[in-house]
Amino acid sequence: MNITVLGTGYVGIVSAAVLADFGHNIWGLDIDPKRVENLKKGKSPIYEPGLEELLQKGLENQKLQFTTDYGQALEKTDIIFICVGTPQAESGEVELKYVYSAIEQIAKNLQNPSLIVLKSTVPPGIHLKLKEIMDQNTKVSYEFASTPEFLREGTAVSDTFNPDRIIIGTESEKAQNTLLEIHKGLPGKRLCTDIISAQMIKYASNSFLACKISFANAIARICDLLGANVLDVMQGIGMDNRIGEKFLSPGLGFGGSCFPKDIKGLYFLSKQAGYDFKLLDEVSEINDSQVAYYLTKTEKIIGNFADKNITILGLAFKPDTDDMRESRTIPLVNELLEKGAKITAYDPIATETAKVVFGDKIIYAKDKFEAIRDCDILILATDWNEFKNMDLVKIKQLMKGNIFVDGRNLYNPKDLKQFGFVYVGIGRI
């Protein structure tokens, strides 16, 4: 099929590369000329394992092309995937100017009857407003549909090839069959529903997973008070197949482009519809206060952070990505700086992204050992693989102090104490 992917951000570029690998003819369209030029050379705008190889393959077999020209991208298209950004106001309301602009340009440049598929996370029912824009600007027939994405950063390519479910929201059997055909051959369960329900599934899924994380963090705080081991508690809970073990890992909390945004988005939508979803408010409050909780525990040991040399290992919001959107290291760094600390940080991939966020407020190390040298306090903030089994003898020798703040609960407190560290975790005995 001839497919246009509109927007080459995280969702768009992965979708375009994978669809090309399926054998479809793909035009990737973006309004950023520099990004498009880099994509034509096979350079990905994001770090994602396996993505650049997939881009190169698509370009080499001429299944994948990029442009800034709507007319060129839509000349022969049958299906258009909308993957533009949908940033969010503090209230939770989604900013839809990029979606509106894209739809208006589609309407003005559309030449063939097309299926317009919303992959961007948008308020359920927004397609009704988008129909008005289309009808004002085109006489070409079209139809809307929705296939929300559930990609995890760091495993997005793998997730696209191996989804656990495919949600298809349409208004006609023809559109439904078209999207079933596009996803033919992929594993995972299929759920065909209406467009509004499909979009609601995305918000509800991410909000529920965030609930699990904040629940685990709340239980961890209670474990601190009672002297229980939260990892054993979470393991015991996860053994119940009605609950499952995933997303029950206590630590500094969640970040990224989806969970914080979708919680606020669903809360805003719910209130607009007439329901005060207070549970989501509490989920956000627990997450937002996790960094302060860790720092307060540490201050009880050291007194204060003024003039302390702090090493932070990990800056991205999760491993295997350079994404720092809503990363817990942002409030972590900011609060430490306010308290007078001096910070050196290391991340395997996200250093350049971090420089945009923090500028010269912190020092960036080339490796973990350089970062750790002569520090008073070590904070493990992102659970990259290279931080999971570190040489504790070498680390202790390099450090000036002995405070080990385990922001991801990766280490056994008893093991660290044997090496002379003072351990700061959450819910650990």
Protein backbone atom coordinates (compact mmCIF):
# COMPACT_ATOMS: atom_id res chain seq x y z
CA MET A 1 0.00 0.00 0.00
CA ASN A 2 0.99 3.64 -0.44
CA ILE A 3 1.16 5.15 3.03
CA THR A 4 2.04 8.61 4.29
CA VAL A 5 3.29 8.98 7.85
CA LEU A 6 2.78 12.56 8.92
CA GLY A 7 5.22 13.57 11.65
CA THR A 8 8.63 11.96 12.22
CA GLY A 9 8.89 12.22 15.98
CA TYR A 10 9.14 9.16 18.18
CA VAL A 11 5.97 7.40 17.03
CA GLY A 12 6.15 8.56 13.44
CA ILE A 13 9.71 7.56 12.65
CA VAL A 14 9.36 4.10 14.19
CA SER A 15 6.03 3.55 12.42
CA ALA A 16 7.44 4.68 9.06
CA ALA A 17 10.51 2.46 9.31
CA VAL A 18 8.55 -0.62 10.35
CA LEU A 19 5.79 -0.14 7.75
CA ALA A 20 8.47 0.14 5.06
CA ASP A 21 10.00 -3.08 6.34
CA PHE A 22 6.58 -4.72 5.85
CA GLY A 23 6.90 -3.86 2.15
CA HIS A 24 4.64 -0.80 1.98
CA ASN A 25 5.64 2.32 0.04
CA ILE A 26 6.15 4.99 2.70
CA TRP A 27 6.44 8.75 2.56
CA GLY A 28 7.55 10.25 5.87
CA LEU A 29 6.52 13.89 6.05
CA ASP A 30 7.82 16.50 8.48
CA ILE A 31 7.83 20.31 8.42
CA ASP A 32 11.41 20.45 9.81
CA PRO A 33 13.77 20.63 6.78
CA LYS A 34 16.89 19.74 8.79
CA ARG A 35 15.25 16.66 10.26
CA VAL A 36 14.10 15.53 6.82
CA GLU A 37 17.59 15.98 5.35
CA ASN A 38 19.07 13.86 8.14
CA LEU A 39 16.41 11.20 7.65
CA LYS A 40 17.22 11.03 3.95
CA LYS A 41 20.75 10.10 5.04
CA GLY A 42 19.44 7.46 7.42
CA LYS A 43 20.12 9.49 10.56
CA SER A 44 17.46 9.01 13.21
CA PRO A 45 16.29 12.03 15.25
CA ILE A 46 16.10 9.80 18.35
CA TYR A 47 18.15 7.06 19.94
CA GLU A 48 16.30 3.75 19.71
CA PRO A 49 18.00 0.35 19.43
CA GLY A 50 17.68 -1.06 15.91
CA LEU A 51 16.01 2.00 14.40
CA GLU A 52 18.83 3.41 12.26
CA GLU A 53 19.48 -0.02 10.76
CA LEU A 54 15.80 -0.22 9.83
CA LEU A 55 15.91 3.28 8.34
CA GLN A 56 18.94 2.42 6.22
CA LYS A 57 17.24 -0.73 4.98
CA GLY A 58 14.08 1.17 3.97
CA LEU A 59 16.08 3.81 2.13
CA GLU A 60 18.23 1.26 0.32
CA ASN A 61 15.28 -0.75 -0.97
CA GLN A 62 13.45 2.50 -1.85
CA LYS A 63 10.42 1.66 0.27
CA LEU A 64 11.03 4.68 2.48
CA GLN A 65 11.25 8.32 1.42
CA PHE A 66 11.09 11.63 3.28
CA THR A 67 9.83 15.08 2.35
CA THR A 68 8.54 18.41 3.67
CA ASP A 69 6.11 18.70 0.73
CA TYR A 70 2.49 17.70 1.43
CA GLY A 71 1.69 17.54 -2.26
CA GLN A 72 4.51 15.10 -2.91
CA ALA A 73 3.71 12.93 0.12
CA LEU A 74 -0.01 12.74 -0.63
CA GLU A 75 0.12 12.36 -4.42
CA LYS A 76 -0.51 8.61 -4.48
CA THR A 77 -1.40 7.88 -0.88
CA ASP A 78 -4.12 5.48 0.22
CA ILE A 79 -3.61 5.81 3.97
CA ILE A 80 -2.33 8.65 6.14
CA PHE A 81 -1.04 8.04 9.66
CA ILE A 82 -1.16 11.15 11.86
CA CYS A 83 1.83 11.05 14.23
CA VAL A 84 2.36 14.73 15.04
CA GLY A 85 3.13 16.02 18.52
CA THR A 86 0.35 16.75 20.99
CA PRO A 87 1.99 18.76 23.79
CA GLN A 88 0.11 19.46 26.99
CA ALA A 89 -0.70 22.48 29.11
CA GLU A 90 -0.18 22.29 32.89
CA SER A 91 -3.95 21.85 33.27
CA GLY A 92 -3.78 18.62 31.29
CA GLU A 93 -5.49 20.05 28.22
CA VAL A 94 -3.90 18.76 25.01
CA GLU A 95 -2.54 21.31 22.56
CA LEU A 96 -3.92 20.30 19.16
CA LYS A 97 -2.51 23.03 16.91
CA TYR A 98 -0.19 20.58 15.13
CA VAL A 99 -3.04 18.15 14.54
CA TYR A 100 -5.32 20.91 13.23
CA SER A 101 -2.57 22.25 10.96
CA ALA A 102 -1.82 18.78 9.61
CA ILE A 103 -5.47 18.05 8.87
CA GLU A 104 -5.92 21.38 7.10
CA GLN A 105 -2.87 20.69 4.90
CA ILE A 106 -4.10 17.17 4.18
CA ALA A 107 -7.48 18.53 3.12
CA LYS A 108 -5.89 21.08 0.79
CA ASN A 109 -3.49 18.58 -0.80
CA LEU A 110 -5.50 15.35 -0.82
CA GLN A 111 -5.85 13.88 -4.32
CA ASN A 112 -7.18 10.36 -3.73
CA PRO A 113 -9.85 8.92 -1.41
CA SER A 114 -7.93 8.12 1.76
CA LEU A 115 -8.14 6.63 5.21
CA ILE A 116 -6.80 9.06 7.84
CA VAL A 117 -5.55 7.15 10.88
CA LEU A 118 -4.90 8.94 14.17
CA LYS A 119 -1.89 7.50 16.00
CA SER A 120 -1.11 10.66 17.96
CA THR A 121 -2.57 10.62 21.46
CA VAL A 122 -5.59 12.89 21.15
CA PRO A 123 -8.75 13.53 23.19
CA PRO A 124 -11.37 10.85 22.42
CA GLY A 125 -13.86 12.17 19.88
CA ILE A 126 -11.60 14.86 18.40
CA HIS A 127 -12.08 13.31 14.95
CA LEU A 128 -15.54 14.94 14.88
CA LYS A 129 -13.89 18.37 14.97
CA LEU A 130 -11.31 17.25 12.42
CA LYS A 131 -14.11 16.24 10.04
CA GLU A 132 -15.32 19.84 10.07
CA ILE A 133 -11.86 21.03 9.02
CA MET A 134 -11.68 18.42 6.27
CA ASP A 135 -15.13 19.25 4.91
CA GLN A 136 -14.30 22.95 4.76
CA ASN A 137 -11.19 22.34 2.66
CA THR A 138 -11.72 19.31 0.39
CA LYS A 139 -14.22 17.53 -1.79
CA VAL A 140 -12.15 14.33 -1.90
CA SER A 141 -13.70 11.48 0.07
CA TYR A 142 -11.98 10.37 3.27
CA GLU A 143 -12.61 8.46 6.46
CA PHE A 144 -11.11 8.67 9.95
CA ALA A 145 -9.84 5.79 12.06
CA SER A 146 -7.64 5.34 15.13
CA THR A 147 -4.88 2.87 15.97
CA PRO A 148 -3.26 4.04 19.22
CA GLU A 149 0.38 3.10 19.76
CA PHE A 150 1.71 1.35 22.86
CA LEU A 151 5.43 1.56 22.17
CA ARG A 152 7.91 1.52 25.03
CA GLU A 153 10.94 3.72 24.53
CA GLY A 154 14.04 1.59 24.37
CA THR A 155 12.13 -1.34 22.87
CA ALA A 156 9.93 0.50 20.34
CA VAL A 157 11.15 -1.39 17.26
CA SER A 158 10.75 -4.75 18.98
CA ASP A 159 7.34 -3.73 20.34
CA THR A 160 6.14 -2.79 16.85
CA PHE A 161 7.15 -6.15 15.43
CA ASN A 162 5.81 -8.03 18.46
CA PRO A 163 2.76 -6.22 19.86
CA ASP A 164 0.72 -7.82 22.62
CA ARG A 165 -2.42 -6.25 21.17
CA ILE A 166 -3.57 -4.16 18.22
CA ILE A 167 -6.43 -1.73 18.80
CA ILE A 168 -8.37 -0.64 15.73
CA GLY A 169 -11.04 2.03 15.95
CA THR A 170 -13.13 2.66 12.84
CA GLU A 171 -16.54 3.75 11.60
CA SER A 172 -16.86 1.26 8.75
CA GLU A 173 -16.14 -2.35 7.93
CA LYS A 174 -14.05 -1.26 4.96
CA ALA A 175 -11.69 0.82 7.13
CA GLN A 176 -11.52 -1.97 9.68
CA ASN A 177 -10.55 -4.54 7.07
CA THR A 178 -7.91 -2.20 5.61
CA LEU A 179 -6.22 -1.79 8.98
CA LEU A 180 -6.48 -5.49 9.74
CA GLU A 181 -4.73 -6.15 6.44
CA ILE A 182 -1.92 -3.69 7.22
CA HIS A 183 -1.28 -5.45 10.53
CA LYS A 184 -1.60 -8.91 9.00
CA GLY A 185 1.18 -11.25 10.04
CA LEU A 186 1.88 -9.50 13.33
CA PRO A 187 1.31 -11.38 16.59
CA GLY A 188 -0.97 -10.11 19.33
CA LYS A 189 -4.68 -9.99 19.98
CA ARG A 190 -6.95 -7.75 17.89
CA LEU A 191 -9.68 -5.53 19.26
CA CYS A 192 -11.87 -3.75 16.75
CA THR A 193 -14.00 -1.01 18.23
CA ASP A 194 -15.22 2.53 17.58
CA ILE A 195 -12.82 5.47 17.30
CA ILE A 196 -13.65 7.08 20.65
CA SER A 197 -13.19 3.82 22.55
CA ALA A 198 -9.87 3.14 20.80
CA GLN A 199 -8.54 6.52 21.85
CA MET A 200 -9.84 6.03 25.39
CA ILE A 201 -7.95 2.72 25.64
CA LYS A 202 -4.63 4.55 25.21
CA TYR A 203 -5.32 6.99 28.03
CA ALA A 204 -6.71 4.30 30.32
CA SER A 205 -3.82 1.86 29.70
CA ASN A 206 -1.05 4.30 30.51
CA SER A 207 -2.90 5.72 33.49
CA PHE A 208 -3.42 2.25 34.96
CA LEU A 209 0.27 1.36 34.60
CA ALA A 210 1.20 4.63 36.30
CA CYS A 211 -1.22 3.72 39.11
CA LYS A 212 0.70 0.48 39.66
CA ILE A 213 4.02 2.30 39.94
CA SER A 214 2.70 4.88 42.40
CA PHE A 215 0.99 2.12 44.40
CA ALA A 216 4.32 0.31 44.68
CA ASN A 217 6.01 3.53 45.83
CA ALA A 218 3.31 4.19 48.42
CA ILE A 219 3.66 0.65 49.79
CA ALA A 220 7.44 1.14 49.87
CA ARG A 221 7.02 4.16 52.13
CA ILE A 222 4.84 2.12 54.48
CA CYS A 223 7.48 -0.64 54.43
CA ASP A 224 10.01 1.97 55.57
CA LEU A 225 7.79 2.77 58.54
CA LEU A 226 7.05 -0.84 59.47
CA GLY A 227 10.38 -2.47 58.64
CA ALA A 228 9.14 -4.67 55.79
CA ASN A 229 11.02 -5.54 52.59
CA VAL A 230 9.12 -3.95 49.71
CA LEU A 231 10.75 -6.17 47.07
CA ASP A 232 9.39 -9.27 48.80
CA VAL A 233 6.02 -7.56 49.19
CA MET A 234 5.88 -6.66 45.50
CA GLN A 235 6.98 -10.14 44.50
CA GLY A 236 4.23 -11.63 46.62
CA ILE A 237 1.64 -9.28 45.11
CA GLY A 238 2.86 -9.95 41.57
CA MET A 239 2.50 -13.70 42.02
CA ASP A 240 -1.27 -13.15 41.95
CA ASN A 241 -2.08 -13.59 38.25
CA ARG A 242 -4.93 -11.10 38.58
CA ILE A 243 -2.30 -8.42 39.32
CA GLY A 244 0.94 -9.49 37.64
CA GLU A 245 4.49 -8.53 38.51
CA LYS A 246 5.13 -5.79 35.94
CA PHE A 247 5.26 -2.11 36.91
CA LEU A 248 5.56 -2.87 40.62
CA SER A 249 9.15 -1.63 41.01
CA PRO A 250 9.56 1.08 43.68
CA GLY A 251 12.05 3.88 43.11
CA LEU A 252 12.30 7.53 42.13
CA GLY A 253 9.09 7.27 40.11
CA PHE A 254 8.04 7.36 36.48
CA GLY A 255 8.74 9.89 33.75
CA GLY A 256 8.79 9.98 29.96
CA SER A 257 6.50 11.36 27.31
CA CYS A 258 3.46 9.19 28.08
CA PHE A 259 2.62 8.39 31.69
CA PRO A 260 2.74 11.90 33.23
CA LYS A 261 1.06 13.39 30.19
CA ASP A 262 -1.69 10.80 29.86
CA ILE A 263 -2.56 10.92 33.57
CA LYS A 264 -3.04 14.68 33.37
CA GLY A 265 -4.85 14.31 30.07
CA LEU A 266 -7.31 11.73 31.37
CA TYR A 267 -7.88 13.74 34.55
CA PHE A 268 -8.66 16.85 32.45
CA LEU A 269 -10.93 14.92 30.10
CA SER A 270 -12.76 13.31 32.99
CA LYS A 271 -13.39 16.65 34.68
CA GLN A 272 -14.61 18.15 31.43
CA ALA A 273 -17.02 15.24 31.05
CA GLY A 274 -18.31 15.68 34.60
CA TYR A 275 -16.29 13.20 36.68
CA ASP A 276 -13.59 14.15 39.19
CA PHE A 277 -11.02 11.34 38.80
CA LYS A 278 -9.31 11.95 42.16
CA LEU A 279 -7.36 8.71 42.02
CA LEU A 280 -5.22 10.06 39.17
CA ASP A 281 -4.50 13.21 41.15
CA GLU A 282 -3.07 11.08 43.96
CA VAL A 283 -1.03 8.96 41.53
CA SER A 284 0.66 12.14 40.27
CA GLU A 285 1.18 13.48 43.80
CA ILE A 286 2.95 10.30 44.93
CA ASN A 287 5.17 10.36 41.85
CA ASP A 288 5.98 14.05 42.14
CA SER A 289 7.06 13.68 45.78
CA GLN A 290 9.33 10.64 45.37
CA VAL A 291 12.49 12.66 44.73
CA ALA A 292 11.90 14.77 47.84
CA TYR A 293 11.29 11.59 49.83
CA TYR A 294 14.68 10.17 48.84
CA LEU A 295 16.50 13.44 49.52
CA THR A 296 14.87 13.81 52.94
CA LYS A 297 16.02 10.29 53.87
CA THR A 298 19.55 11.19 52.77
CA GLU A 299 19.55 14.50 54.66
CA LYS A 300 18.75 12.67 57.87
CA ILE A 301 22.12 10.94 57.47
CA ILE A 302 24.34 13.76 56.16
CA GLY A 303 22.68 16.85 57.64
CA ASN A 304 22.51 18.86 54.41
CA PHE A 305 23.70 18.85 50.81
CA ALA A 306 25.51 22.19 50.86
CA ASP A 307 28.91 21.93 49.11
CA LYS A 308 28.58 18.14 48.84
CA ASN A 309 29.93 16.53 45.67
CA ILE A 310 27.10 14.45 44.24
CA THR A 311 27.41 11.89 41.46
CA ILE A 312 24.26 10.99 39.53
CA LEU A 313 24.37 7.85 37.41
CA GLY A 314 21.70 7.98 34.72
CA LEU A 315 19.90 11.00 33.29
CA ALA A 316 17.38 9.55 30.80
CA PHE A 317 13.95 8.77 32.23
CA LYS A 318 14.60 5.06 31.58
CA PRO A 319 17.38 2.90 30.09
CA ASP A 320 17.96 2.43 26.35
CA THR A 321 16.76 5.90 25.38
CA ASP A 322 18.12 9.43 25.30
CA ASP A 323 14.72 10.87 26.20
CA MET A 324 14.65 13.12 29.26
CA ARG A 325 11.05 14.27 29.06
CA GLU A 326 9.67 14.27 32.62
CA SER A 327 12.76 12.37 33.78
CA ARG A 328 12.96 12.16 37.57
CA THR A 329 16.53 13.39 37.30
CA ILE A 330 15.26 16.85 36.38
CA PRO A 331 13.65 17.58 39.77
CA LEU A 332 16.47 15.61 41.40
CA VAL A 333 19.17 17.85 39.92
CA ASN A 334 17.17 21.04 40.46
CA GLU A 335 16.46 20.29 44.13
CA LEU A 336 20.08 19.34 44.80
CA LEU A 337 21.32 22.54 43.16
CA GLU A 338 18.90 24.58 45.27
CA LYS A 339 20.35 22.89 48.34
CA GLY A 340 23.86 23.94 47.35
CA ALA A 341 25.21 20.63 46.02
CA LYS A 342 27.80 20.26 43.27
CA ILE A 343 26.76 17.68 40.69
CA THR A 344 28.65 15.44 38.30
CA ALA A 345 26.55 13.15 36.11
CA TYR A 346 27.03 10.33 33.66
CA ASP A 347 24.59 8.68 31.26
CA PRO A 348 25.55 6.18 28.50
CA ILE A 349 23.38 7.90 25.88
CA ALA A 350 21.51 10.97 27.16
CA THR A 351 24.40 13.37 27.89
CA GLU A 352 23.77 15.63 24.89
CA THR A 353 20.06 15.77 25.71
CA ALA A 354 20.93 16.60 29.31
CA LYS A 355 23.15 19.48 28.21
CA VAL A 356 20.11 21.10 26.61
CA VAL A 357 18.16 20.66 29.85
CA PHE A 358 20.81 21.62 32.44
CA GLY A 359 23.38 23.58 30.46
CA ASP A 360 26.54 24.23 32.48
CA LYS A 361 24.83 23.87 35.87
CA ILE A 362 26.34 20.40 36.27
CA ILE A 363 29.49 18.56 35.16
CA TYR A 364 29.19 15.77 32.56
CA ALA A 365 31.53 12.80 32.94
CA LYS A 366 32.70 10.52 30.13
CA ASP A 367 32.16 7.33 32.14
CA LYS A 368 30.84 6.19 35.49
CA PHE A 369 34.27 5.96 37.13
CA GLU A 370 35.17 9.53 36.17
CA ALA A 371 31.80 10.64 37.54
CA ILE A 372 32.25 8.79 40.84
CA ARG A 373 35.79 9.93 41.62
CA ASP A 374 35.98 11.93 44.91
CA CYS A 375 32.20 12.19 45.31
CA ASP A 376 30.56 12.36 48.74
CA ILE A 377 27.27 10.83 47.63
CA LEU A 378 26.43 8.48 44.75
CA ILE A 379 22.86 8.51 43.41
CA LEU A 380 21.82 5.74 41.02
CA ALA A 381 18.93 7.33 39.10
CA THR A 382 18.43 5.26 35.91
CA ASP A 383 18.68 1.46 35.80
CA TRP A 384 20.98 1.10 32.80
CA ASN A 385 22.49 -2.39 32.56
CA GLU A 386 26.00 -1.07 33.19
CA PHE A 387 24.88 0.20 36.60
CA LYS A 388 23.35 -3.09 37.76
CA ASN A 389 26.50 -5.05 38.63
CA MET A 390 29.14 -2.46 39.31
CA ASP A 391 32.51 -3.17 40.91
CA LEU A 392 31.64 -2.02 44.42
CA VAL A 393 35.22 -2.30 45.68
CA LYS A 394 36.46 0.05 42.95
CA ILE A 395 33.56 2.45 43.47
CA LYS A 396 34.20 2.63 47.21
CA GLN A 397 37.88 3.33 46.56
CA LEU A 398 37.06 6.12 44.11
CA MET A 399 34.52 7.83 46.37
CA LYS A 400 35.48 10.29 49.08
CA GLY A 401 32.26 9.59 51.00
CA ASN A 402 30.23 6.42 51.42
CA ILE A 403 26.55 7.32 50.82
CA PHE A 404 24.93 5.15 48.14
CA VAL A 405 21.45 6.34 47.17
CA ASP A 406 19.77 3.55 45.23
CA GLY A 407 17.03 5.34 43.28
CA ARG A 408 15.97 2.15 41.52
CA ASN A 409 16.32 -0.37 44.36
CA LEU A 410 18.81 -2.41 42.35
CA TYR A 411 21.20 -3.36 45.13
CA ASN A 412 20.91 -5.40 48.31
CA PRO A 413 21.46 -3.12 51.33
CA LYS A 414 23.32 -5.89 53.18
CA ASP A 415 25.79 -6.33 50.31
CA LEU A 416 26.53 -2.61 50.16
CA LYS A 417 27.00 -2.34 53.90
CA GLN A 418 29.62 -5.09 53.70
CA PHE A 419 31.64 -2.86 51.37
CA GLY A 420 31.41 0.08 53.76
CA PHE A 421 28.55 1.98 52.13
CA VAL A 422 25.66 3.68 53.90
CA TYR A 423 22.63 2.58 51.87
CA VAL A 424 19.65 4.80 51.10
CA GLY A 425 16.80 3.06 49.30
CA ILE A 426 13.07 2.79 49.78
CA GLY A 427 11.22 0.02 51.59
CA ARG A 428 14.40 -2.02 52.11
CA ILE A 429 15.71 -3.72 55.24
